[in-house]
Structure formats: C-alpha cells, structure tokens
Amino acid sequence: MKHDIEYDIEGRVRGFYLLGFGTGTYTCKCVDCGKPFIGDKRAIQCLECVIKIVEKKLLSSKMLLLRVQEYMDTNDKEINHLKVLISEQLRTK
C-alpha cells in the first residue's frame, strides 16, 4: 500500500479523502452548507464542513473523557473516604 502524498501539476494534494470530501477538479455542491467547492467527482461535502464535523467529534470525545475522569475522581474520593472509615474502625477495636 502506498502512503506517499501525490501532488497534481498545480501543487494540490491528490487522492486525499476525509468523510464526504475528496480532492479533485470537479465543481461540487456541499450537502451541508450548500456552497460550491472544488473536489472529487464523488465528494458530497466541502472541506470546511468536514473540518467542523471532525472538530465536533473531537470535542464530544473530549467531553466524554472529562466526564469519565470526573466519575473516576468522585469514586476515588468515596473509596478513600471508606478506607479512612475502615482504618478508624480498626484502630478503635
């Protein structure tokens, strides 16, 4: 499998695809924003809209990770509190 980046005569990247966008020389219309863009003949989204989608997904992932971290921190506090209670009980007996 070839991983080298290829360029066309005008210096544009060839063969780059991400979600509904692909590089090319065709005039296309974005299904999200409705604006025209230059891309692959099968492209359905402009690069700007694809970038917004990726940013939104990254933000969602970050928010999920923050919630997981918060949950873990909360449970750590509860576990540490239980450890203190158990230690206190063991010292009194």
N, C-alpha and C. Protein backbone atom coordinates (compact mmCIF):
# COMPACT_ATOMS: atom_id res chain seq x y z
N MET A 1 0.84 -1.18 0.00
CA MET A 1 0.00 0.00 0.00
C MET A 1 0.89 1.24 0.00
N LYS A 2 0.58 2.19 -0.86
CA LYS A 2 1.38 3.39 -1.00
C LYS A 2 0.87 4.48 -0.05
N HIS A 3 1.79 5.09 0.70
CA HIS A 3 1.41 6.13 1.65
C HIS A 3 2.01 7.48 1.30
N ASP A 4 2.73 7.59 0.19
CA ASP A 4 3.31 8.87 -0.21
C ASP A 4 2.21 9.81 -0.67
N ILE A 5 2.40 11.08 -0.36
CA ILE A 5 1.44 12.08 -0.81
C ILE A 5 1.74 12.43 -2.25
N GLU A 6 0.73 12.44 -3.09
CA GLU A 6 0.88 12.79 -4.50
C GLU A 6 0.31 14.17 -4.73
N TYR A 7 0.95 14.91 -5.66
CA TYR A 7 0.51 16.26 -5.99
C TYR A 7 0.20 16.34 -7.48
N ASP A 8 -0.77 17.20 -7.83
CA ASP A 8 -1.04 17.40 -9.24
C ASP A 8 -0.12 18.49 -9.80
N ILE A 9 -0.30 18.84 -11.05
CA ILE A 9 0.57 19.81 -11.72
C ILE A 9 0.56 21.16 -11.02
N GLU A 10 -0.57 21.54 -10.44
CA GLU A 10 -0.69 22.83 -9.77
C GLU A 10 -0.29 22.79 -8.30
N GLY A 11 0.24 21.67 -7.85
CA GLY A 11 0.72 21.55 -6.47
C GLY A 11 -0.32 21.19 -5.44
N ARG A 12 -1.52 20.81 -5.89
CA ARG A 12 -2.56 20.39 -4.94
C ARG A 12 -2.39 18.91 -4.60
N VAL A 13 -2.78 18.57 -3.39
CA VAL A 13 -2.70 17.17 -2.96
C VAL A 13 -3.70 16.35 -3.74
N ARG A 14 -3.27 15.20 -4.24
CA ARG A 14 -4.15 14.28 -4.96
C ARG A 14 -4.51 13.10 -4.07
N GLY A 15 -5.69 12.62 -4.23
CA GLY A 15 -6.09 11.40 -3.55
C GLY A 15 -6.29 11.54 -2.05
N PHE A 16 -6.68 12.72 -1.59
CA PHE A 16 -6.94 12.92 -0.17
C PHE A 16 -8.45 12.83 0.06
N TYR A 17 -8.86 11.94 0.95
CA TYR A 17 -10.28 11.75 1.24
C TYR A 17 -10.51 11.77 2.73
N LEU A 18 -11.54 12.48 3.14
CA LEU A 18 -11.91 12.55 4.55
C LEU A 18 -13.42 12.74 4.61
N LEU A 19 -14.10 11.78 5.23
CA LEU A 19 -15.56 11.77 5.30
C LEU A 19 -16.14 11.97 3.90
N GLY A 20 -16.89 13.06 3.66
CA GLY A 20 -17.52 13.26 2.37
C GLY A 20 -16.73 14.13 1.42
N PHE A 21 -15.48 14.47 1.78
CA PHE A 21 -14.66 15.31 0.93
C PHE A 21 -13.53 14.52 0.30
N GLY A 22 -13.21 14.88 -0.92
CA GLY A 22 -12.06 14.30 -1.61
C GLY A 22 -11.49 15.33 -2.56
N THR A 23 -10.17 15.34 -2.71
CA THR A 23 -9.55 16.30 -3.62
C THR A 23 -9.89 15.93 -5.06
N GLY A 24 -9.93 16.94 -5.89
CA GLY A 24 -10.23 16.73 -7.30
C GLY A 24 -10.37 18.04 -8.03
N THR A 25 -10.89 17.96 -9.23
CA THR A 25 -11.01 19.16 -10.06
C THR A 25 -12.45 19.43 -10.49
N TYR A 26 -13.39 18.74 -9.88
CA TYR A 26 -14.80 18.91 -10.23
C TYR A 26 -15.45 19.98 -9.37
N THR A 27 -16.41 20.68 -9.95
CA THR A 27 -17.21 21.62 -9.18
C THR A 27 -18.34 20.84 -8.54
N CYS A 28 -18.42 20.91 -7.23
CA CYS A 28 -19.41 20.14 -6.46
C CYS A 28 -20.21 21.11 -5.60
N LYS A 29 -21.32 20.62 -5.05
CA LYS A 29 -22.12 21.41 -4.13
C LYS A 29 -22.21 20.65 -2.80
N CYS A 30 -21.84 21.32 -1.71
CA CYS A 30 -21.83 20.70 -0.38
C CYS A 30 -23.26 20.41 0.09
N VAL A 31 -23.50 19.20 0.56
CA VAL A 31 -24.83 18.83 1.05
C VAL A 31 -25.13 19.47 2.40
N ASP A 32 -24.09 19.92 3.11
CA ASP A 32 -24.30 20.53 4.42
C ASP A 32 -24.57 22.03 4.33
N CYS A 33 -23.68 22.77 3.69
CA CYS A 33 -23.81 24.23 3.65
C CYS A 33 -24.37 24.74 2.32
N GLY A 34 -24.38 23.90 1.30
CA GLY A 34 -24.93 24.29 0.01
C GLY A 34 -23.99 25.10 -0.87
N LYS A 35 -22.78 25.36 -0.37
CA LYS A 35 -21.83 26.16 -1.16
C LYS A 35 -21.11 25.29 -2.18
N PRO A 36 -20.73 25.89 -3.31
CA PRO A 36 -19.94 25.14 -4.29
C PRO A 36 -18.49 25.01 -3.82
N PHE A 37 -17.85 23.92 -4.22
CA PHE A 37 -16.44 23.70 -3.90
C PHE A 37 -15.81 22.84 -4.99
N ILE A 38 -14.51 22.84 -5.04
CA ILE A 38 -13.77 22.02 -6.00
C ILE A 38 -13.32 20.76 -5.27
N GLY A 39 -13.67 19.60 -5.83
CA GLY A 39 -13.31 18.34 -5.19
C GLY A 39 -13.44 17.17 -6.13
N ASP A 40 -13.37 15.98 -5.56
CA ASP A 40 -13.53 14.74 -6.30
C ASP A 40 -14.96 14.67 -6.84
N LYS A 41 -15.15 13.99 -7.95
CA LYS A 41 -16.49 13.91 -8.54
C LYS A 41 -17.49 13.21 -7.63
N ARG A 42 -17.01 12.43 -6.67
CA ARG A 42 -17.90 11.75 -5.73
C ARG A 42 -18.03 12.49 -4.39
N ALA A 43 -17.33 13.62 -4.24
CA ALA A 43 -17.37 14.37 -2.98
C ALA A 43 -18.75 14.97 -2.76
N ILE A 44 -19.21 14.92 -1.53
CA ILE A 44 -20.53 15.48 -1.20
C ILE A 44 -20.45 16.59 -0.16
N GLN A 45 -19.28 16.77 0.45
CA GLN A 45 -19.11 17.81 1.46
C GLN A 45 -17.86 18.62 1.16
N CYS A 46 -17.93 19.93 1.47
CA CYS A 46 -16.74 20.77 1.32
C CYS A 46 -15.81 20.51 2.50
N LEU A 47 -14.56 20.87 2.32
CA LEU A 47 -13.56 20.63 3.36
C LEU A 47 -13.90 21.38 4.65
N GLU A 48 -14.43 22.60 4.54
CA GLU A 48 -14.78 23.37 5.73
C GLU A 48 -15.83 22.65 6.58
N CYS A 49 -16.84 22.08 5.95
CA CYS A 49 -17.87 21.35 6.69
C CYS A 49 -17.32 20.07 7.30
N VAL A 50 -16.46 19.39 6.57
CA VAL A 50 -15.83 18.17 7.10
C VAL A 50 -14.99 18.51 8.33
N ILE A 51 -14.25 19.61 8.26
CA ILE A 51 -13.44 20.03 9.41
C ILE A 51 -14.33 20.32 10.61
N LYS A 52 -15.47 20.98 10.40
CA LYS A 52 -16.40 21.25 11.50
C LYS A 52 -16.90 19.95 12.13
N ILE A 53 -17.20 18.96 11.30
CA ILE A 53 -17.67 17.66 11.80
C ILE A 53 -16.59 17.00 12.65
N VAL A 54 -15.36 17.01 12.15
CA VAL A 54 -14.24 16.39 12.88
C VAL A 54 -14.02 17.12 14.21
N GLU A 55 -14.06 18.45 14.18
CA GLU A 55 -13.88 19.22 15.42
C GLU A 55 -14.98 18.89 16.42
N LYS A 56 -16.22 18.77 15.94
CA LYS A 56 -17.34 18.44 16.83
C LYS A 56 -17.16 17.06 17.45
N LYS A 57 -16.71 16.10 16.63
CA LYS A 57 -16.49 14.74 17.15
C LYS A 57 -15.35 14.74 18.18
N LEU A 58 -14.30 15.50 17.92
CA LEU A 58 -13.20 15.58 18.87
C LEU A 58 -13.65 16.22 20.17
N LEU A 59 -14.47 17.27 20.08
CA LEU A 59 -14.98 17.93 21.27
C LEU A 59 -15.87 16.97 22.06
N SER A 60 -16.73 16.21 21.35
CA SER A 60 -17.59 15.23 22.02
C SER A 60 -16.75 14.18 22.73
N SER A 61 -15.69 13.72 22.08
CA SER A 61 -14.81 12.73 22.70
C SER A 61 -14.13 13.31 23.93
N LYS A 62 -13.69 14.57 23.82
CA LYS A 62 -13.04 15.21 24.96
C LYS A 62 -14.01 15.36 26.12
N MET A 63 -15.26 15.76 25.83
CA MET A 63 -16.26 15.91 26.88
C MET A 63 -16.54 14.58 27.56
N LEU A 64 -16.62 13.51 26.77
CA LEU A 64 -16.85 12.19 27.33
C LEU A 64 -15.69 11.79 28.24
N LEU A 65 -14.46 12.03 27.80
CA LEU A 65 -13.30 11.71 28.62
C LEU A 65 -13.29 12.52 29.92
N LEU A 66 -13.69 13.78 29.83
CA LEU A 66 -13.76 14.60 31.05
C LEU A 66 -14.80 14.06 32.03
N ARG A 67 -15.95 13.60 31.48
CA ARG A 67 -16.98 13.02 32.36
C ARG A 67 -16.49 11.73 33.01
N VAL A 68 -15.79 10.91 32.24
CA VAL A 68 -15.24 9.66 32.79
C VAL A 68 -14.23 9.99 33.89
N GLN A 69 -13.36 10.98 33.62
CA GLN A 69 -12.37 11.38 34.62
C GLN A 69 -13.05 11.90 35.88
N GLU A 70 -14.09 12.71 35.72
CA GLU A 70 -14.84 13.24 36.86
C GLU A 70 -15.47 12.10 37.66
N TYR A 71 -16.05 11.13 36.97
CA TYR A 71 -16.65 9.97 37.63
C TYR A 71 -15.60 9.20 38.41
N MET A 72 -14.45 9.00 37.78
CA MET A 72 -13.38 8.27 38.47
C MET A 72 -12.88 9.04 39.68
N ASP A 73 -12.73 10.36 39.54
CA ASP A 73 -12.30 11.18 40.68
C ASP A 73 -13.29 11.11 41.82
N THR A 74 -14.59 11.16 41.49
CA THR A 74 -15.64 11.07 42.51
C THR A 74 -15.56 9.73 43.23
N ASN A 75 -15.41 8.67 42.48
CA ASN A 75 -15.33 7.35 43.09
C ASN A 75 -14.06 7.20 43.92
N ASP A 76 -12.96 7.80 43.47
CA ASP A 76 -11.72 7.76 44.25
C ASP A 76 -11.93 8.41 45.61
N LYS A 77 -12.65 9.53 45.62
CA LYS A 77 -12.92 10.23 46.88
C LYS A 77 -13.75 9.34 47.80
N GLU A 78 -14.76 8.69 47.24
CA GLU A 78 -15.62 7.80 48.04
C GLU A 78 -14.82 6.61 48.56
N ILE A 79 -13.99 6.05 47.71
CA ILE A 79 -13.17 4.90 48.13
C ILE A 79 -12.18 5.32 49.21
N ASN A 80 -11.55 6.47 49.03
CA ASN A 80 -10.62 6.96 50.05
C ASN A 80 -11.34 7.24 51.36
N HIS A 81 -12.56 7.78 51.28
CA HIS A 81 -13.35 8.03 52.48
C HIS A 81 -13.65 6.70 53.20
N LEU A 82 -14.02 5.68 52.44
CA LEU A 82 -14.28 4.37 53.05
C LEU A 82 -13.02 3.79 53.68
N LYS A 83 -11.88 3.98 53.05
CA LYS A 83 -10.61 3.49 53.60
C LYS A 83 -10.32 4.17 54.94
N VAL A 84 -10.60 5.46 55.02
CA VAL A 84 -10.37 6.20 56.28
C VAL A 84 -11.31 5.67 57.35
N LEU A 85 -12.58 5.48 57.01
CA LEU A 85 -13.53 4.96 57.98
C LEU A 85 -13.12 3.57 58.48
N ILE A 86 -12.70 2.72 57.57
CA ILE A 86 -12.27 1.36 57.94
C ILE A 86 -11.04 1.44 58.83
N SER A 87 -10.09 2.28 58.49
CA SER A 87 -8.88 2.43 59.31
C SER A 87 -9.24 2.91 60.71
N GLU A 88 -10.13 3.88 60.79
CA GLU A 88 -10.55 4.40 62.09
C GLU A 88 -11.22 3.30 62.91
N GLN A 89 -12.05 2.51 62.27
CA GLN A 89 -12.74 1.44 62.96
C GLN A 89 -11.75 0.39 63.44
N LEU A 90 -10.77 0.08 62.65
CA LEU A 90 -9.77 -0.92 63.04
C LEU A 90 -8.90 -0.41 64.19
N ARG A 91 -8.64 0.88 64.24
CA ARG A 91 -7.82 1.45 65.33
C ARG A 91 -8.59 1.46 66.65
N THR A 92 -9.90 1.61 66.60
CA THR A 92 -10.69 1.70 67.83
C THR A 92 -10.92 0.33 68.45
N LYS A 93 -10.76 -0.72 67.76
CA LYS A 93 -11.04 -2.06 68.32
C LYS A 93 -9.81 -2.67 68.89
